[in-house]
Amino acid sequence: QVQLVESGGGSVQAGESLKLSCAASGYAYSIDVMGWYRQAPGKQRELVADMSDGGNTLYADSVKGRFTISRDNAKNTVTLQMNSLTREDSAVYYCEARIAIRRDWGQGTQVTVSS
C-alpha cells in the first residue's frame, strides 16, 4: 500500500524557518518526481518545488532563494527547507510523488506564519 507521510509543519513567526519532511513507502518502482505543493484557504493548490530522481529541480518563483528541496532516492524521502517565511507562505503543504502518469499525495501538513 502506497503511503506518503509528511512531518514538520507548525506555527512560526515571519522570518523564521521550518523544515518539512516526507517519507514514501509501498512503491514497487523508483519514484520519478517528488515534491511539495501547497494550498491556502480559498486558493488553488500550487507547486512549491519538486525534484526528479535525476536531481532536476523546479521552484515556484515566490519561493526561489528561500526554499530548498532535497531528496534521498534510496530512502524515498523528500525534504523542504523553508527560510525567511512570510505570512503568504501560510498554507497546507502536501507531499507529492509521481511515477509516469500516477500521482500520489500525502495528507498535508499545516504551516502557519504570523507577523
N, C-alpha and C. Protein backbone atom coordinates (compact mmCIF):
# COMPACT_ATOMS: atom_id res chain seq x y z
N GLN A 1 0.83 -1.19 0.00
CA GLN A 1 0.00 0.00 0.00
C GLN A 1 0.88 1.25 0.00
N VAL A 2 0.64 2.11 -0.98
CA VAL A 2 1.41 3.33 -1.10
C VAL A 2 1.02 4.31 0.00
N GLN A 3 2.02 4.95 0.55
CA GLN A 3 1.76 5.91 1.61
C GLN A 3 2.81 7.02 1.57
N LEU A 4 2.35 8.24 1.74
CA LEU A 4 3.23 9.40 1.88
C LEU A 4 2.91 10.04 3.21
N VAL A 5 3.93 10.16 4.05
CA VAL A 5 3.73 10.69 5.39
C VAL A 5 4.58 11.94 5.56
N GLU A 6 3.91 13.06 5.81
CA GLU A 6 4.60 14.34 6.00
C GLU A 6 4.78 14.63 7.48
N SER A 7 5.79 15.43 7.75
CA SER A 7 6.02 15.90 9.10
C SER A 7 6.75 17.24 9.03
N GLY A 8 6.70 17.98 10.13
CA GLY A 8 7.48 19.20 10.23
C GLY A 8 6.73 20.49 10.14
N GLY A 9 5.43 20.44 9.90
CA GLY A 9 4.67 21.68 9.86
C GLY A 9 4.55 22.29 11.25
N GLY A 10 4.01 23.50 11.29
CA GLY A 10 3.83 24.15 12.57
C GLY A 10 3.57 25.63 12.40
N SER A 11 3.66 26.34 13.51
CA SER A 11 3.44 27.78 13.53
C SER A 11 4.73 28.50 13.87
N VAL A 12 5.07 29.49 13.06
CA VAL A 12 6.29 30.25 13.28
C VAL A 12 6.01 31.73 13.05
N GLN A 13 6.97 32.54 13.43
CA GLN A 13 6.92 33.98 13.17
C GLN A 13 7.54 34.26 11.81
N ALA A 14 7.12 35.34 11.22
CA ALA A 14 7.70 35.76 9.95
C ALA A 14 9.21 35.91 10.09
N GLY A 15 9.92 35.43 9.08
CA GLY A 15 11.37 35.49 9.12
C GLY A 15 12.03 34.22 9.63
N GLU A 16 11.24 33.38 10.25
CA GLU A 16 11.79 32.14 10.80
C GLU A 16 11.80 31.02 9.75
N SER A 17 12.25 29.86 10.17
CA SER A 17 12.41 28.73 9.25
C SER A 17 11.64 27.51 9.73
N LEU A 18 11.33 26.67 8.78
CA LEU A 18 10.74 25.37 9.05
C LEU A 18 11.29 24.37 8.05
N LYS A 19 11.31 23.12 8.45
CA LYS A 19 11.74 22.06 7.54
C LYS A 19 10.64 21.00 7.50
N LEU A 20 10.17 20.74 6.30
CA LEU A 20 9.18 19.70 6.09
C LEU A 20 9.85 18.44 5.56
N SER A 21 9.34 17.31 6.01
CA SER A 21 9.86 16.03 5.53
C SER A 21 8.72 15.15 5.07
N CYS A 22 9.03 14.30 4.12
CA CYS A 22 8.03 13.37 3.60
C CYS A 22 8.71 12.04 3.33
N ALA A 23 8.09 10.98 3.82
CA ALA A 23 8.60 9.64 3.58
C ALA A 23 7.58 8.85 2.78
N ALA A 24 8.02 8.30 1.69
CA ALA A 24 7.16 7.50 0.82
C ALA A 24 7.44 6.02 1.03
N SER A 25 6.39 5.23 1.05
CA SER A 25 6.56 3.79 1.23
C SER A 25 5.55 3.04 0.35
N GLY A 26 5.85 1.79 0.11
CA GLY A 26 4.93 0.94 -0.63
C GLY A 26 5.10 0.97 -2.14
N TYR A 27 6.13 1.65 -2.62
CA TYR A 27 6.34 1.74 -4.06
C TYR A 27 7.21 0.59 -4.56
N ALA A 28 6.74 -0.04 -5.63
CA ALA A 28 7.50 -1.13 -6.21
C ALA A 28 8.55 -0.64 -7.19
N TYR A 29 8.41 0.60 -7.64
CA TYR A 29 9.34 1.17 -8.61
C TYR A 29 9.89 2.49 -8.07
N SER A 30 10.99 2.92 -8.65
CA SER A 30 11.56 4.20 -8.23
C SER A 30 10.61 5.34 -8.60
N ILE A 31 10.59 6.33 -7.77
CA ILE A 31 9.68 7.46 -7.95
C ILE A 31 10.33 8.48 -8.87
N ASP A 32 9.63 8.86 -9.92
CA ASP A 32 10.19 9.80 -10.89
C ASP A 32 10.40 11.19 -10.29
N VAL A 33 9.35 11.71 -9.69
CA VAL A 33 9.39 13.07 -9.16
C VAL A 33 8.78 13.07 -7.77
N MET A 34 9.45 13.75 -6.86
CA MET A 34 8.87 14.01 -5.54
C MET A 34 8.89 15.51 -5.31
N GLY A 35 7.87 15.98 -4.65
CA GLY A 35 7.83 17.41 -4.46
C GLY A 35 6.82 17.86 -3.44
N TRP A 36 6.62 19.16 -3.41
CA TRP A 36 5.72 19.80 -2.46
C TRP A 36 4.79 20.77 -3.18
N TYR A 37 3.56 20.70 -2.82
CA TYR A 37 2.55 21.66 -3.23
C TYR A 37 1.96 22.28 -1.98
N ARG A 38 1.26 23.38 -2.16
CA ARG A 38 0.58 23.99 -1.02
C ARG A 38 -0.76 24.56 -1.46
N GLN A 39 -1.63 24.65 -0.48
CA GLN A 39 -2.95 25.21 -0.74
C GLN A 39 -3.37 26.08 0.43
N ALA A 40 -3.57 27.34 0.14
CA ALA A 40 -4.06 28.29 1.13
C ALA A 40 -5.58 28.36 1.02
N PRO A 41 -6.25 28.78 2.09
CA PRO A 41 -7.72 28.87 2.06
C PRO A 41 -8.22 29.73 0.90
N GLY A 42 -9.14 29.18 0.14
CA GLY A 42 -9.73 29.92 -0.97
C GLY A 42 -8.88 29.96 -2.21
N LYS A 43 -7.75 29.27 -2.19
CA LYS A 43 -6.86 29.28 -3.35
C LYS A 43 -6.65 27.88 -3.89
N GLN A 44 -6.18 27.82 -5.12
CA GLN A 44 -5.89 26.52 -5.72
C GLN A 44 -4.57 25.97 -5.19
N ARG A 45 -4.46 24.66 -5.26
CA ARG A 45 -3.20 24.03 -4.89
C ARG A 45 -2.14 24.43 -5.91
N GLU A 46 -0.97 24.80 -5.42
CA GLU A 46 0.09 25.25 -6.31
C GLU A 46 1.40 24.55 -6.01
N LEU A 47 2.21 24.43 -7.05
CA LEU A 47 3.52 23.84 -6.88
C LEU A 47 4.39 24.76 -6.05
N VAL A 48 5.11 24.16 -5.10
CA VAL A 48 6.14 24.89 -4.36
C VAL A 48 7.50 24.54 -4.94
N ALA A 49 7.80 23.26 -4.97
CA ALA A 49 9.07 22.79 -5.52
C ALA A 49 8.97 21.29 -5.76
N ASP A 50 9.70 20.84 -6.77
CA ASP A 50 9.81 19.40 -6.95
C ASP A 50 11.18 19.04 -7.48
N MET A 51 11.47 17.75 -7.40
CA MET A 51 12.79 17.27 -7.79
C MET A 51 12.65 15.91 -8.45
N SER A 52 13.30 15.75 -9.59
CA SER A 52 13.30 14.47 -10.29
C SER A 52 14.30 13.52 -9.64
N ASP A 53 14.21 12.28 -10.01
CA ASP A 53 15.16 11.32 -9.45
C ASP A 53 16.57 11.58 -9.96
N GLY A 54 16.68 12.37 -11.01
CA GLY A 54 17.99 12.75 -11.52
C GLY A 54 18.54 14.01 -10.91
N GLY A 55 17.75 14.64 -10.05
CA GLY A 55 18.22 15.82 -9.35
C GLY A 55 17.78 17.15 -9.93
N ASN A 56 17.00 17.12 -11.00
CA ASN A 56 16.50 18.38 -11.55
C ASN A 56 15.43 18.95 -10.64
N THR A 57 15.50 20.25 -10.42
CA THR A 57 14.55 20.90 -9.51
C THR A 57 13.73 21.95 -10.23
N LEU A 58 12.56 22.20 -9.66
CA LEU A 58 11.67 23.24 -10.15
C LEU A 58 11.10 23.93 -8.93
N TYR A 59 11.18 25.27 -8.93
CA TYR A 59 10.67 26.05 -7.82
C TYR A 59 9.66 27.07 -8.31
N ALA A 60 8.68 27.33 -7.48
CA ALA A 60 7.79 28.45 -7.74
C ALA A 60 8.59 29.74 -7.59
N ASP A 61 8.29 30.72 -8.39
CA ASP A 61 9.02 31.99 -8.32
C ASP A 61 8.96 32.59 -6.93
N SER A 62 7.85 32.41 -6.26
CA SER A 62 7.65 33.04 -4.96
C SER A 62 8.55 32.47 -3.87
N VAL A 63 9.13 31.31 -4.10
CA VAL A 63 9.96 30.69 -3.04
C VAL A 63 11.43 30.59 -3.44
N LYS A 64 11.76 30.96 -4.66
CA LYS A 64 13.15 30.86 -5.11
C LYS A 64 14.05 31.69 -4.20
N GLY A 65 15.16 31.08 -3.81
CA GLY A 65 16.09 31.77 -2.94
C GLY A 65 15.78 31.64 -1.47
N ARG A 66 14.60 31.16 -1.15
CA ARG A 66 14.22 31.00 0.26
C ARG A 66 14.01 29.53 0.63
N PHE A 67 13.49 28.75 -0.29
CA PHE A 67 13.20 27.34 -0.03
C PHE A 67 14.19 26.47 -0.78
N THR A 68 14.51 25.34 -0.18
CA THR A 68 15.41 24.37 -0.81
C THR A 68 14.82 22.98 -0.68
N ILE A 69 14.70 22.31 -1.80
CA ILE A 69 14.20 20.93 -1.80
C ILE A 69 15.37 19.98 -1.91
N SER A 70 15.28 18.88 -1.21
CA SER A 70 16.29 17.85 -1.31
C SER A 70 15.61 16.49 -1.26
N ARG A 71 16.34 15.49 -1.70
CA ARG A 71 15.69 14.19 -1.85
C ARG A 71 16.73 13.09 -1.65
N ASP A 72 16.29 12.02 -1.04
CA ASP A 72 17.10 10.82 -0.88
C ASP A 72 16.39 9.71 -1.65
N ASN A 73 16.88 9.39 -2.81
CA ASN A 73 16.22 8.40 -3.66
C ASN A 73 16.22 7.01 -3.03
N ALA A 74 17.28 6.69 -2.34
CA ALA A 74 17.38 5.36 -1.75
C ALA A 74 16.35 5.18 -0.63
N LYS A 75 16.07 6.26 0.08
CA LYS A 75 15.13 6.19 1.20
C LYS A 75 13.73 6.65 0.82
N ASN A 76 13.56 7.13 -0.41
CA ASN A 76 12.26 7.66 -0.83
C ASN A 76 11.76 8.76 0.11
N THR A 77 12.65 9.68 0.40
CA THR A 77 12.27 10.82 1.23
C THR A 77 12.56 12.11 0.48
N VAL A 78 11.78 13.11 0.82
CA VAL A 78 11.99 14.45 0.27
C VAL A 78 11.79 15.45 1.39
N THR A 79 12.63 16.46 1.42
CA THR A 79 12.53 17.50 2.44
C THR A 79 12.43 18.86 1.78
N LEU A 80 11.86 19.77 2.50
CA LEU A 80 11.74 21.15 2.03
C LEU A 80 12.20 22.05 3.17
N GLN A 81 13.34 22.68 2.98
CA GLN A 81 13.84 23.65 3.94
C GLN A 81 13.28 25.00 3.56
N MET A 82 12.54 25.59 4.47
CA MET A 82 11.88 26.86 4.20
C MET A 82 12.46 27.94 5.11
N ASN A 83 13.10 28.92 4.52
CA ASN A 83 13.70 30.02 5.27
C ASN A 83 12.98 31.33 4.96
N SER A 84 13.18 32.29 5.81
CA SER A 84 12.60 33.62 5.61
C SER A 84 11.11 33.54 5.30
N LEU A 85 10.41 32.80 6.12
CA LEU A 85 8.98 32.59 5.87
C LEU A 85 8.21 33.90 6.04
N THR A 86 7.19 34.03 5.23
CA THR A 86 6.28 35.18 5.30
C THR A 86 4.86 34.67 5.50
N ARG A 87 3.96 35.59 5.79
CA ARG A 87 2.57 35.21 6.00
C ARG A 87 1.99 34.57 4.75
N GLU A 88 2.48 34.99 3.61
CA GLU A 88 1.99 34.45 2.34
C GLU A 88 2.37 32.98 2.14
N ASP A 89 3.26 32.47 2.96
CA ASP A 89 3.63 31.05 2.88
C ASP A 89 2.69 30.18 3.70
N SER A 90 1.81 30.77 4.45
CA SER A 90 0.86 30.00 5.26
C SER A 90 -0.06 29.19 4.35
N ALA A 91 -0.13 27.90 4.60
CA ALA A 91 -0.94 27.02 3.77
C ALA A 91 -0.82 25.60 4.31
N VAL A 92 -1.61 24.71 3.74
CA VAL A 92 -1.40 23.29 3.96
C VAL A 92 -0.43 22.81 2.88
N TYR A 93 0.63 22.18 3.30
CA TYR A 93 1.65 21.71 2.38
C TYR A 93 1.46 20.20 2.16
N TYR A 94 1.47 19.82 0.89
CA TYR A 94 1.26 18.43 0.52
C TYR A 94 2.49 17.86 -0.18
N CYS A 95 2.86 16.70 0.24
CA CYS A 95 3.92 15.96 -0.43
C CYS A 95 3.31 15.24 -1.64
N GLU A 96 4.08 15.19 -2.71
CA GLU A 96 3.60 14.56 -3.95
C GLU A 96 4.66 13.60 -4.46
N ALA A 97 4.18 12.48 -5.00
CA ALA A 97 5.08 11.52 -5.64
C ALA A 97 4.49 11.12 -6.98
N ARG A 98 5.34 11.13 -8.01
CA ARG A 98 4.87 10.82 -9.36
C ARG A 98 5.69 9.71 -9.99
N ILE A 99 4.98 8.75 -10.55
CA ILE A 99 5.61 7.73 -11.37
C ILE A 99 4.81 7.68 -12.66
N ALA A 100 5.44 8.12 -13.75
CA ALA A 100 4.75 8.22 -15.04
C ALA A 100 3.50 9.08 -14.84
N ILE A 101 2.33 8.55 -15.14
CA ILE A 101 1.11 9.36 -15.01
C ILE A 101 0.47 9.21 -13.63
N ARG A 102 1.04 8.38 -12.81
CA ARG A 102 0.47 8.18 -11.48
C ARG A 102 0.96 9.30 -10.56
N ARG A 103 0.04 9.82 -9.76
CA ARG A 103 0.37 10.86 -8.80
C ARG A 103 -0.27 10.53 -7.46
N ASP A 104 0.53 10.54 -6.43
CA ASP A 104 0.04 10.27 -5.07
C ASP A 104 0.30 11.48 -4.19
N TRP A 105 -0.55 11.64 -3.18
CA TRP A 105 -0.46 12.78 -2.27
C TRP A 105 -0.40 12.32 -0.83
N GLY A 106 0.30 13.12 -0.03
CA GLY A 106 0.25 12.94 1.40
C GLY A 106 -0.99 13.59 1.95
N GLN A 107 -1.15 13.49 3.27
CA GLN A 107 -2.36 14.01 3.91
C GLN A 107 -2.29 15.51 4.15
N GLY A 108 -1.12 16.06 4.04
CA GLY A 108 -0.94 17.50 4.22
C GLY A 108 -0.48 17.85 5.62
N THR A 109 0.29 18.91 5.71
CA THR A 109 0.74 19.42 7.00
C THR A 109 0.61 20.94 6.99
N GLN A 110 0.08 21.48 8.06
CA GLN A 110 -0.22 22.90 8.14
C GLN A 110 1.03 23.71 8.49
N VAL A 111 1.23 24.77 7.74
CA VAL A 111 2.27 25.76 8.04
C VAL A 111 1.57 27.10 8.24
N THR A 112 1.79 27.68 9.38
CA THR A 112 1.18 28.98 9.70
C THR A 112 2.29 29.95 10.07
N VAL A 113 2.32 31.07 9.37
CA VAL A 113 3.33 32.09 9.62
C VAL A 113 2.62 33.36 10.07
N SER A 114 2.99 33.85 11.20
CA SER A 114 2.37 35.06 11.74
C SER A 114 3.41 36.18 11.82
N SER A 115 2.90 37.38 11.71
CA SER A 115 3.83 38.52 11.75
C SER A 115 3.81 39.19 13.11
